[in-house]
């Protein structure tokens, strides 16, 4: 007979089940998706153009979505006690600053 605990230990997948954890991750994921949409619109139409139906300027939408993602990141950082973000941000900023300046 198979022991239920043995099966659990053999399974590498242990999805989140805490409702508050799920809210934090789910909302950040949703905001990231909205940011991707705003970035896509800026790329396709131009940052200074506007959404045809609502008239919202793409730059304004982009700013809002970036702010929403930063907020989500800060909440996730706090919720899960993420301690290494600042160092990674500094390293990535240096790297991308050099990369962006390549001709």
PDB file of N, CA and C in Angstrom:
ATOM      1  N   UNK A   1       0.841  -1.180   0.000  1.00  0.00           N
ATOM      2  CA  UNK A   1       0.000   0.000   0.000  1.00  0.00           C
ATOM      3  C   UNK A   1       0.890   1.248   0.000  1.00  0.00           C
ATOM      4  N   UNK A   2       0.509   2.275  -0.787  1.00  0.00           N
ATOM      5  CA  UNK A   2       1.297   3.495  -0.913  1.00  0.00           C
ATOM      6  C   UNK A   2       0.902   4.461   0.193  1.00  0.00           C
ATOM      7  N   UNK A   3       1.915   4.984   0.845  1.00  0.00           N
ATOM      8  CA  UNK A   3       1.710   5.971   1.896  1.00  0.00           C
ATOM      9  C   UNK A   3       1.478   7.341   1.241  1.00  0.00           C
ATOM     10  N   UNK A   4       0.444   8.045   1.657  1.00  0.00           N
ATOM     11  CA  UNK A   4       0.100   9.342   1.085  1.00  0.00           C
ATOM     12  C   UNK A   4       1.233  10.360   1.260  1.00  0.00           C
ATOM     13  N   UNK A   5       1.945  10.331   2.366  1.00  0.00           N
ATOM     14  CA  UNK A   5       3.070  11.240   2.596  1.00  0.00           C
ATOM     15  C   UNK A   5       4.209  10.981   1.612  1.00  0.00           C
ATOM     16  N   UNK A   6       4.424   9.704   1.254  1.00  0.00           N
ATOM     17  CA  UNK A   6       5.454   9.380   0.279  1.00  0.00           C
ATOM     18  C   UNK A   6       5.139   9.999  -1.074  1.00  0.00           C
ATOM     19  N   UNK A   7       3.866   9.980  -1.457  1.00  0.00           N
ATOM     20  CA  UNK A   7       3.458  10.577  -2.724  1.00  0.00           C
ATOM     21  C   UNK A   7       3.667  12.082  -2.716  1.00  0.00           C
ATOM     22  N   UNK A   8       3.331  12.726  -1.617  1.00  0.00           N
ATOM     23  CA  UNK A   8       3.501  14.168  -1.521  1.00  0.00           C
ATOM     24  C   UNK A   8       4.974  14.544  -1.644  1.00  0.00           C
ATOM     25  N   UNK A   9       5.847  13.806  -0.987  1.00  0.00           N
ATOM     26  CA  UNK A   9       7.275  14.080  -1.046  1.00  0.00           C
ATOM     27  C   UNK A   9       7.838  13.833  -2.440  1.00  0.00           C
ATOM     28  N   UNK A  10       7.245  12.930  -3.196  1.00  0.00           N
ATOM     29  CA  UNK A  10       7.724  12.615  -4.535  1.00  0.00           C
ATOM     30  C   UNK A  10       7.285  13.665  -5.555  1.00  0.00           C
ATOM     31  N   UNK A  11       6.291  14.429  -5.224  1.00  0.00           N
ATOM     32  CA  UNK A  11       5.760  15.437  -6.127  1.00  0.00           C
ATOM     33  C   UNK A  11       6.530  16.749  -5.953  1.00  0.00           C
ATOM     34  N   UNK A  12       7.225  17.216  -7.002  1.00  0.00           N
ATOM     35  CA  UNK A  12       7.987  18.462  -6.865  1.00  0.00           C
ATOM     36  C   UNK A  12       7.115  19.718  -6.892  1.00  0.00           C
ATOM     37  N   UNK A  13       5.856  19.569  -7.236  1.00  0.00           N
ATOM     38  CA  UNK A  13       4.959  20.717  -7.354  1.00  0.00           C
ATOM     39  C   UNK A  13       4.152  20.890  -6.084  1.00  0.00           C
ATOM     40  N   UNK A  14       4.281  22.040  -5.469  1.00  0.00           N
ATOM     41  CA  UNK A  14       3.516  22.371  -4.269  1.00  0.00           C
ATOM     42  C   UNK A  14       2.953  23.787  -4.450  1.00  0.00           C
ATOM     43  N   UNK A  15       1.861  23.907  -5.198  1.00  0.00           N
ATOM     44  CA  UNK A  15       1.308  25.229  -5.506  1.00  0.00           C
ATOM     45  C   UNK A  15       0.938  26.004  -4.244  1.00  0.00           C
ATOM     46  N   UNK A  16       0.963  27.314  -4.387  1.00  0.00           N
ATOM     47  CA  UNK A  16       0.536  28.173  -3.285  1.00  0.00           C
ATOM     48  C   UNK A  16      -0.913  27.865  -2.955  1.00  0.00           C
ATOM     49  N   UNK A  17      -1.230  27.941  -1.677  1.00  0.00           N
ATOM     50  CA  UNK A  17      -2.625  27.738  -1.294  1.00  0.00           C
ATOM     51  C   UNK A  17      -3.104  28.804  -0.317  1.00  0.00           C
ATOM     52  N   UNK A  18      -2.185  29.597   0.240  1.00  0.00           N
ATOM     53  CA  UNK A  18      -2.577  30.660   1.160  1.00  0.00           C
ATOM     54  C   UNK A  18      -3.299  31.755   0.375  1.00  0.00           C
ATOM     55  N   UNK A  19      -4.532  32.076   0.744  1.00  0.00           N
ATOM     56  CA  UNK A  19      -5.310  33.058  -0.032  1.00  0.00           C
ATOM     57  C   UNK A  19      -4.644  34.432  -0.136  1.00  0.00           C
ATOM     58  N   UNK A  20      -3.974  34.869   0.900  1.00  0.00           N
ATOM     59  CA  UNK A  20      -3.319  36.177   0.852  1.00  0.00           C
ATOM     60  C   UNK A  20      -2.105  36.137  -0.075  1.00  0.00           C
ATOM     61  N   UNK A  21      -1.342  35.041  -0.012  1.00  0.00           N
ATOM     62  CA  UNK A  21      -0.214  34.877  -0.939  1.00  0.00           C
ATOM     63  C   UNK A  21      -0.710  34.875  -2.382  1.00  0.00           C
ATOM     64  N   UNK A  22      -1.789  34.157  -2.624  1.00  0.00           N
ATOM     65  CA  UNK A  22      -2.360  34.083  -3.970  1.00  0.00           C
ATOM     66  C   UNK A  22      -2.805  35.458  -4.461  1.00  0.00           C
ATOM     67  N   UNK A  23      -3.381  36.257  -3.583  1.00  0.00           N
ATOM     68  CA  UNK A  23      -3.801  37.613  -3.962  1.00  0.00           C
ATOM     69  C   UNK A  23      -2.599  38.471  -4.354  1.00  0.00           C
ATOM     70  N   UNK A  24      -1.545  38.386  -3.571  1.00  0.00           N
ATOM     71  CA  UNK A  24      -0.356  39.187  -3.875  1.00  0.00           C
ATOM     72  C   UNK A  24       0.237  38.802  -5.232  1.00  0.00           C
ATOM     73  N   UNK A  25       0.459  37.529  -5.430  1.00  0.00           N
ATOM     74  CA  UNK A  25       1.065  37.063  -6.678  1.00  0.00           C
ATOM     75  C   UNK A  25       0.118  37.278  -7.856  1.00  0.00           C
ATOM     76  N   UNK A  26      -1.149  36.956  -7.664  1.00  0.00           N
ATOM     77  CA  UNK A  26      -2.120  37.101  -8.746  1.00  0.00           C
ATOM     78  C   UNK A  26      -2.281  38.536  -9.200  1.00  0.00           C
ATOM     79  N   UNK A  27      -2.330  39.464  -8.254  1.00  0.00           N
ATOM     80  CA  UNK A  27      -2.509  40.868  -8.623  1.00  0.00           C
ATOM     81  C   UNK A  27      -1.273  41.411  -9.329  1.00  0.00           C
ATOM     82  N   UNK A  28      -0.084  41.030  -8.850  1.00  0.00           N
ATOM     83  CA  UNK A  28       1.134  41.466  -9.533  1.00  0.00           C
ATOM     84  C   UNK A  28       1.181  40.903 -10.952  1.00  0.00           C
ATOM     85  N   UNK A  29       0.808  39.667 -11.113  1.00  0.00           N
ATOM     86  CA  UNK A  29       0.776  39.053 -12.441  1.00  0.00           C
ATOM     87  C   UNK A  29      -0.204  39.797 -13.351  1.00  0.00           C
ATOM     88  N   UNK A  30      -1.367  40.132 -12.829  1.00  0.00           N
ATOM     89  CA  UNK A  30      -2.354  40.883 -13.609  1.00  0.00           C
ATOM     90  C   UNK A  30      -1.792  42.240 -14.034  1.00  0.00           C
ATOM     91  N   UNK A  31      -1.161  42.945 -13.095  1.00  0.00           N
ATOM     92  CA  UNK A  31      -0.597  44.259 -13.408  1.00  0.00           C
ATOM     93  C   UNK A  31       0.533  44.149 -14.429  1.00  0.00           C
ATOM     94  N   UNK A  32       1.334  43.101 -14.339  1.00  0.00           N
ATOM     95  CA  UNK A  32       2.391  42.890 -15.332  1.00  0.00           C
ATOM     96  C   UNK A  32       1.788  42.713 -16.728  1.00  0.00           C
ATOM     97  N   UNK A  33       0.696  41.986 -16.815  1.00  0.00           N
ATOM     98  CA  UNK A  33       0.015  41.809 -18.096  1.00  0.00           C
ATOM     99  C   UNK A  33      -0.499  43.120 -18.654  1.00  0.00           C
ATOM    100  N   UNK A  34      -1.028  43.964 -17.787  1.00  0.00           N
ATOM    101  CA  UNK A  34      -1.520  45.271 -18.234  1.00  0.00           C
ATOM    102  C   UNK A  34      -0.357  46.154 -18.693  1.00  0.00           C
ATOM    103  N   UNK A  35       0.785  46.030 -18.021  1.00  0.00           N
ATOM    104  CA  UNK A  35       1.962  46.785 -18.446  1.00  0.00           C
ATOM    105  C   UNK A  35       2.430  46.320 -19.825  1.00  0.00           C
ATOM    106  N   UNK A  36       2.399  45.028 -20.056  1.00  0.00           N
ATOM    107  CA  UNK A  36       2.780  44.503 -21.374  1.00  0.00           C
ATOM    108  C   UNK A  36       1.859  45.082 -22.452  1.00  0.00           C
ATOM    109  N   UNK A  37       0.575  45.178 -22.158  1.00  0.00           N
ATOM    110  CA  UNK A  37      -0.369  45.753 -23.125  1.00  0.00           C
ATOM    111  C   UNK A  37      -0.050  47.216 -23.415  1.00  0.00           C
ATOM    112  N   UNK A  38       0.240  47.983 -22.362  1.00  0.00           N
ATOM    113  CA  UNK A  38       0.564  49.398 -22.543  1.00  0.00           C
ATOM    114  C   UNK A  38       1.853  49.563 -23.343  1.00  0.00           C
ATOM    115  N   UNK A  39       2.858  48.753 -23.027  1.00  0.00           N
ATOM    116  CA  UNK A  39       4.116  48.813 -23.764  1.00  0.00           C
ATOM    117  C   UNK A  39       3.918  48.450 -25.234  1.00  0.00           C
ATOM    118  N   UNK A  40       3.094  47.440 -25.486  1.00  0.00           N
ATOM    119  CA  UNK A  40       2.813  47.025 -26.865  1.00  0.00           C
ATOM    120  C   UNK A  40       2.149  48.149 -27.634  1.00  0.00           C
ATOM    121  N   UNK A  41       1.196  48.799 -27.013  1.00  0.00           N
ATOM    122  CA  UNK A  41       0.506  49.912 -27.682  1.00  0.00           C
ATOM    123  C   UNK A  41       1.486  51.037 -27.989  1.00  0.00           C
ATOM    124  N   UNK A  42       2.376  51.360 -27.045  1.00  0.00           N
ATOM    125  CA  UNK A  42       3.384  52.407 -27.290  1.00  0.00           C
ATOM    126  C   UNK A  42       4.288  52.023 -28.457  1.00  0.00           C
ATOM    127  N   UNK A  43       4.699  50.780 -28.508  1.00  0.00           N
ATOM    128  CA  UNK A  43       5.579  50.304 -29.568  1.00  0.00           C
ATOM    129  C   UNK A  43       4.889  50.363 -30.929  1.00  0.00           C
ATOM    130  N   UNK A  44       3.640  49.957 -30.974  1.00  0.00           N
ATOM    131  CA  UNK A  44       2.903  49.875 -32.234  1.00  0.00           C
ATOM    132  C   UNK A  44       2.455  51.256 -32.725  1.00  0.00           C
ATOM    133  N   UNK A  45       1.910  52.075 -31.805  1.00  0.00           N
ATOM    134  CA  UNK A  45       1.331  53.356 -32.211  1.00  0.00           C
ATOM    135  C   UNK A  45       2.241  54.550 -31.975  1.00  0.00           C
ATOM    136  N   UNK A  46       3.141  54.437 -31.008  1.00  0.00           N
ATOM    137  CA  UNK A  46       3.948  55.583 -30.581  1.00  0.00           C
ATOM    138  C   UNK A  46       3.506  56.027 -29.199  1.00  0.00           C
ATOM    139  N   UNK A  47       4.447  56.506 -28.432  1.00  0.00           N
ATOM    140  CA  UNK A  47       4.166  56.844 -27.037  1.00  0.00           C
ATOM    141  C   UNK A  47       3.268  58.072 -26.900  1.00  0.00           C
ATOM    142  N   UNK A  48       3.293  58.953 -27.890  1.00  0.00           N
ATOM    143  CA  UNK A  48       2.508  60.180 -27.803  1.00  0.00           C
ATOM    144  C   UNK A  48       1.123  60.071 -28.452  1.00  0.00           C
ATOM    145  N   UNK A  49       0.815  58.916 -29.017  1.00  0.00           N
ATOM    146  CA  UNK A  49      -0.505  58.709 -29.620  1.00  0.00           C
ATOM    147  C   UNK A  49      -1.517  58.364 -28.544  1.00  0.00           C
ATOM    148  N   UNK A  50      -2.780  58.253 -28.934  1.00  0.00           N
ATOM    149  CA  UNK A  50      -3.826  57.972 -27.952  1.00  0.00           C
ATOM    150  C   UNK A  50      -4.638  56.751 -28.350  1.00  0.00           C
ATOM    151  N   UNK A  51      -5.246  56.149 -27.341  1.00  0.00           N
ATOM    152  CA  UNK A  51      -6.130  54.999 -27.552  1.00  0.00           C
ATOM    153  C   UNK A  51      -7.335  55.507 -28.342  1.00  0.00           C
ATOM    154  N   UNK A  52      -7.685  54.818 -29.442  1.00  0.00           N
ATOM    155  CA  UNK A  52      -8.715  55.336 -30.344  1.00  0.00           C
ATOM    156  C   UNK A  52     -10.098  55.532 -29.713  1.00  0.00           C
ATOM    157  N   UNK A  53     -10.489  54.674 -28.809  1.00  0.00           N
ATOM    158  CA  UNK A  53     -11.836  54.760 -28.240  1.00  0.00           C
ATOM    159  C   UNK A  53     -11.880  55.706 -27.039  1.00  0.00           C
ATOM    160  N   UNK A  54     -10.955  55.532 -26.103  1.00  0.00           N
ATOM    161  CA  UNK A  54     -10.997  56.320 -24.866  1.00  0.00           C
ATOM    162  C   UNK A  54     -10.277  57.655 -24.990  1.00  0.00           C
ATOM    163  N   UNK A  55      -9.352  57.757 -25.924  1.00  0.00           N
ATOM    164  CA  UNK A  55      -8.580  58.984 -26.075  1.00  0.00           C
ATOM    165  C   UNK A  55      -7.440  59.121 -25.075  1.00  0.00           C
ATOM    166  N   UNK A  56      -7.204  58.095 -24.255  1.00  0.00           N
ATOM    167  CA  UNK A  56      -6.117  58.142 -23.277  1.00  0.00           C
ATOM    168  C   UNK A  56      -4.778  58.122 -24.014  1.00  0.00           C
ATOM    169  N   UNK A  57      -3.910  59.047 -23.660  1.00  0.00           N
ATOM    170  CA  UNK A  57      -2.577  59.115 -24.266  1.00  0.00           C
ATOM    171  C   UNK A  57      -1.774  57.892 -23.817  1.00  0.00           C
ATOM    172  N   UNK A  58      -1.086  57.254 -24.767  1.00  0.00           N
ATOM    173  CA  UNK A  58      -0.324  56.045 -24.454  1.00  0.00           C
ATOM    174  C   UNK A  58       0.688  56.270 -23.333  1.00  0.00           C
ATOM    175  N   UNK A  59       1.341  57.418 -23.330  1.00  0.00           N
ATOM    176  CA  UNK A  59       2.321  57.720 -22.280  1.00  0.00           C
ATOM    177  C   UNK A  59       1.652  57.736 -20.902  1.00  0.00           C
ATOM    178  N   UNK A  60       0.463  58.298 -20.802  1.00  0.00           N
ATOM    179  CA  UNK A  60      -0.265  58.332 -19.522  1.00  0.00           C
ATOM    180  C   UNK A  60      -0.623  56.924 -19.075  1.00  0.00           C
ATOM    181  N   UNK A  61      -1.096  56.114 -20.013  1.00  0.00           N
ATOM    182  CA  UNK A  61      -1.443  54.731 -19.691  1.00  0.00           C
ATOM    183  C   UNK A  61      -0.202  53.972 -19.224  1.00  0.00           C
ATOM    184  N   UNK A  62       0.910  54.176 -19.953  1.00  0.00           N
ATOM    185  CA  UNK A  62       2.163  53.515 -19.593  1.00  0.00           C
ATOM    186  C   UNK A  62       2.607  53.910 -18.185  1.00  0.00           C
ATOM    187  N   UNK A  63       2.552  55.180 -17.884  1.00  0.00           N
ATOM    188  CA  UNK A  63       2.931  55.643 -16.531  1.00  0.00           C
ATOM    189  C   UNK A  63       2.070  54.992 -15.463  1.00  0.00           C
ATOM    190  N   UNK A  64       0.788  54.929 -15.699  1.00  0.00           N
ATOM    191  CA  UNK A  64      -0.120  54.305 -14.730  1.00  0.00           C
ATOM    192  C   UNK A  64       0.221  52.835 -14.513  1.00  0.00           C
ATOM    193  N   UNK A  65       0.473  52.129 -15.594  1.00  0.00           N
ATOM    194  CA  UNK A  65       0.754  50.696 -15.476  1.00  0.00           C
ATOM    195  C   UNK A  65       2.114  50.440 -14.826  1.00  0.00           C
ATOM    196  N   UNK A  66       3.103  51.275 -15.121  1.00  0.00           N
ATOM    197  CA  UNK A  66       4.398  51.136 -14.452  1.00  0.00           C
ATOM    198  C   UNK A  66       4.220  51.350 -12.953  1.00  0.00           C
ATOM    199  N   UNK A  67       3.471  52.370 -12.576  1.00  0.00           N
ATOM    200  CA  UNK A  67       3.227  52.640 -11.157  1.00  0.00           C
ATOM    201  C   UNK A  67       2.493  51.470 -10.492  1.00  0.00           C
ATOM    202  N   UNK A  68       1.534  50.889 -11.187  1.00  0.00           N
ATOM    203  CA  UNK A  68       0.794  49.749 -10.637  1.00  0.00           C
ATOM    204  C   UNK A  68       1.713  48.543 -10.428  1.00  0.00           C
ATOM    205  N   UNK A  69       2.618  48.307 -11.378  1.00  0.00           N
ATOM    206  CA  UNK A  69       3.550  47.183 -11.244  1.00  0.00           C
ATOM    207  C   UNK A  69       4.531  47.440 -10.103  1.00  0.00           C
ATOM    208  N   UNK A  70       5.046  48.657 -10.005  1.00  0.00           N
ATOM    209  CA  UNK A  70       5.960  48.976  -8.900  1.00  0.00           C
ATOM    210  C   UNK A  70       5.265  48.765  -7.561  1.00  0.00           C
ATOM    211  N   UNK A  71       4.015  49.193  -7.458  1.00  0.00           N
ATOM    212  CA  UNK A  71       3.253  48.978  -6.229  1.00  0.00           C
ATOM    213  C   UNK A  71       3.116  47.494  -5.929  1.00  0.00           C
ATOM    214  N   UNK A  72       2.758  46.713  -6.943  1.00  0.00           N
ATOM    215  CA  UNK A  72       2.636  45.262  -6.756  1.00  0.00           C
ATOM    216  C   UNK A  72       3.947  44.629  -6.332  1.00  0.00           C
ATOM    217  N   UNK A  73       5.034  45.074  -6.930  1.00  0.00           N
ATOM    218  CA  UNK A  73       6.352  44.549  -6.569  1.00  0.00           C
ATOM    219  C   UNK A  73       6.666  44.865  -5.117  1.00  0.00           C
ATOM    220  N   UNK A  74       6.398  46.083  -4.712  1.00  0.00           N
ATOM    221  CA  UNK A  74       6.674  46.471  -3.322  1.00  0.00           C
ATOM    222  C   UNK A  74       5.861  45.635  -2.337  1.00  0.00           C
ATOM    223  N   UNK A  75       4.615  45.368  -2.669  1.00  0.00           N
ATOM    224  CA  UNK A  75       3.774  44.555  -1.783  1.00  0.00           C
ATOM    225  C   UNK A  75       4.252  43.110  -1.729  1.00  0.00           C
ATOM    226  N   UNK A  76       4.649  42.562  -2.874  1.00  0.00           N
ATOM    227  CA  UNK A  76       5.172  41.193  -2.917  1.00  0.00           C
ATOM    228  C   UNK A  76       6.514  41.127  -2.181  1.00  0.00           C
ATOM    229  N   UNK A  77       7.332  42.132  -2.378  1.00  0.00           N
ATOM    230  CA  UNK A  77       8.624  42.195  -1.690  1.00  0.00           C
ATOM    231  C   UNK A  77       8.422  42.153  -0.170  1.00  0.00           C
ATOM    232  N   UNK A  78       7.460  42.915   0.298  1.00  0.00           N
ATOM    233  CA  UNK A  78       7.173  42.945   1.740  1.00  0.00           C
ATOM    234  C   UNK A  78       6.553  41.629   2.214  1.00  0.00           C
ATOM    235  N   UNK A  79       5.587  41.130   1.476  1.00  0.00           N
ATOM    236  CA  UNK A  79       4.868  39.910   1.873  1.00  0.00           C
ATOM    237  C   UNK A  79       5.806  38.717   2.018  1.00  0.00           C
ATOM    238  N   UNK A  80       6.730  38.568   1.072  1.00  0.00           N
ATOM    239  CA  UNK A  80       7.586  37.388   1.045  1.00  0.00           C
ATOM    240  C   UNK A  80       9.007  37.666   1.540  1.00  0.00           C
ATOM    241  N   UNK A  81       9.190  38.838   2.155  1.00  0.00           N
ATOM    242  CA  UNK A  81      10.481  39.220   2.731  1.00  0.00           C
ATOM    243  C   UNK A  81      11.619  39.020   1.731  1.00  0.00           C
ATOM    244  N   UNK A  82      11.436  39.563   0.539  1.00  0.00           N
ATOM    245  CA  UNK A  82      12.463  39.486  -0.492  1.00  0.00           C
ATOM    246  C   UNK A  82      13.545  40.509  -0.159  1.00  0.00           C
ATOM    247  N   UNK A  83      14.763  40.047  -0.009  1.00  0.00           N
ATOM    248  CA  UNK A  83      15.835  40.906   0.494  1.00  0.00           C
ATOM    249  C   UNK A  83      16.878  41.296  -0.547  1.00  0.00           C
ATOM    250  N   UNK A  84      16.857  40.693  -1.717  1.00  0.00           N
ATOM    251  CA  UNK A  84      17.955  40.880  -2.665  1.00  0.00           C
ATOM    252  C   UNK A  84      17.614  41.796  -3.828  1.00  0.00           C
ATOM    253  N   UNK A  85      16.443  42.394  -3.836  1.00  0.00           N
ATOM    254  CA  UNK A  85      16.032  43.169  -4.996  1.00  0.00           C
ATOM    255  C   UNK A  85      16.925  44.376  -5.262  1.00  0.00           C
ATOM    256  N   UNK A  86      17.281  45.111  -4.242  1.00  0.00           N
ATOM    257  CA  UNK A  86      18.044  46.340  -4.432  1.00  0.00           C
ATOM    258  C   UNK A  86      19.385  46.075  -5.125  1.00  0.00           C
ATOM    259  N   UNK A  87      20.107  45.058  -4.683  1.00  0.00           N
ATOM    260  CA  UNK A  87      21.384  44.720  -5.313  1.00  0.00           C
ATOM    261  C   UNK A  87      21.209  44.317  -6.765  1.00  0.00           C
ATOM    262  N   UNK A  88      20.199  43.530  -7.031  1.00  0.00           N
ATOM    263  CA  UNK A  88      19.937  43.095  -8.406  1.00  0.00           C
ATOM    264  C   UNK A  88      19.546  44.284  -9.280  1.00  0.00           C
ATOM    265  N   UNK A  89      18.748  45.195  -8.739  1.00  0.00           N
ATOM    266  CA  UNK A  89      18.321  46.379  -9.491  1.00  0.00           C
ATOM    267  C   UNK A  89      19.533  47.224  -9.874  1.00  0.00           C
ATOM    268  N   UNK A  90      20.449  47.436  -8.935  1.00  0.00           N
ATOM    269  CA  UNK A  90      21.646  48.223  -9.220  1.00  0.00           C
ATOM    270  C   UNK A  90      22.496  47.559 -10.304  1.00  0.00           C
ATOM    271  N   UNK A  91      22.687  46.253 -10.189  1.00  0.00           N
ATOM    272  CA  UNK A  91      23.483  45.517 -11.169  1.00  0.00           C
ATOM    273  C   UNK A  91      22.831  45.577 -12.556  1.00  0.00           C
ATOM    274  N   UNK A  92      21.533  45.357 -12.616  1.00  0.00           N
ATOM    275  CA  UNK A  92      20.823  45.350 -13.898  1.00  0.00           C
ATOM    276  C   UNK A  92      20.794  46.747 -14.519  1.00  0.00           C
ATOM    277  N   UNK A  93      20.670  47.774 -13.685  1.00  0.00           N
ATOM    278  CA  UNK A  93      20.670  49.151 -14.176  1.00  0.00           C
ATOM    279  C   UNK A  93      22.004  49.485 -14.844  1.00  0.00           C
ATOM    280  N   UNK A  94      23.102  49.100 -14.201  1.00  0.00           N
ATOM    281  CA  UNK A  94      24.423  49.336 -14.799  1.00  0.00           C
ATOM    282  C   UNK A  94      24.543  48.606 -16.143  1.00  0.00           C
ATOM    283  N   UNK A  95      24.148  47.346 -16.143  1.00  0.00           N
ATOM    284  CA  UNK A  95      24.252  46.539 -17.363  1.00  0.00           C
ATOM    285  C   UNK A  95      23.414  47.129 -18.502  1.00  0.00           C
ATOM    286  N   UNK A  96      22.162  47.430 -18.227  1.00  0.00           N
ATOM    287  CA  UNK A  96      21.282  47.926 -19.294  1.00  0.00           C
ATOM    288  C   UNK A  96      21.653  49.328 -19.738  1.00  0.00           C
ATOM    289  N   UNK A  97      22.176  50.141 -18.834  1.00  0.00           N
ATOM    290  CA  UNK A  97      22.627  51.479 -19.226  1.00  0.00           C
ATOM    291  C   UNK A  97      23.740  51.375 -20.255  1.00  0.00           C
ATOM    292  N   UNK A  98      24.666  50.448 -20.051  1.00  0.00           N
ATOM    293  CA  UNK A  98      25.742  50.231 -21.025  1.00  0.00           C
ATOM    294  C   UNK A  98      25.173  49.677 -22.328  1.00  0.00           C
ATOM    295  N   UNK A  99      24.286  48.711 -22.216  1.00  0.00           N
ATOM    296  CA  UNK A  99      23.709  48.073 -23.403  1.00  0.00           C
ATOM    297  C   UNK A  99      22.923  49.071 -24.248  1.00  0.00           C
ATOM    298  N   UNK A 100      22.123  49.934 -23.594  1.00  0.00           N
ATOM    299  CA  UNK A 100      21.320  50.917 -24.324  1.00  0.00           C
ATOM    300  C   UNK A 100      22.192  51.898 -25.104  1.00  0.00           C
ATOM    301  N   UNK A 101      23.401  52.140 -24.629  1.00  0.00           N
ATOM    302  CA  UNK A 101      24.297  53.095 -25.288  1.00  0.00           C
ATOM    303  C   UNK A 101      25.101  52.490 -26.422  1.00  0.00           C
ATOM    304  N   UNK A 102      24.971  51.180 -26.648  1.00  0.00           N
ATOM    305  CA  UNK A 102      25.663  50.569 -27.785  1.00  0.00           C
ATOM    306  C   UNK A 102      25.014  51.034 -29.089  1.00  0.00           C
ATOM    307  N   UNK A 103      25.833  51.312 -30.061  1.00  0.00           N
ATOM    308  CA  UNK A 103      25.275  51.779 -31.351  1.00  0.00           C
ATOM    309  C   UNK A 103      25.124  50.653 -32.319  1.00  0.00           C
TER     310      UNK A 103
END
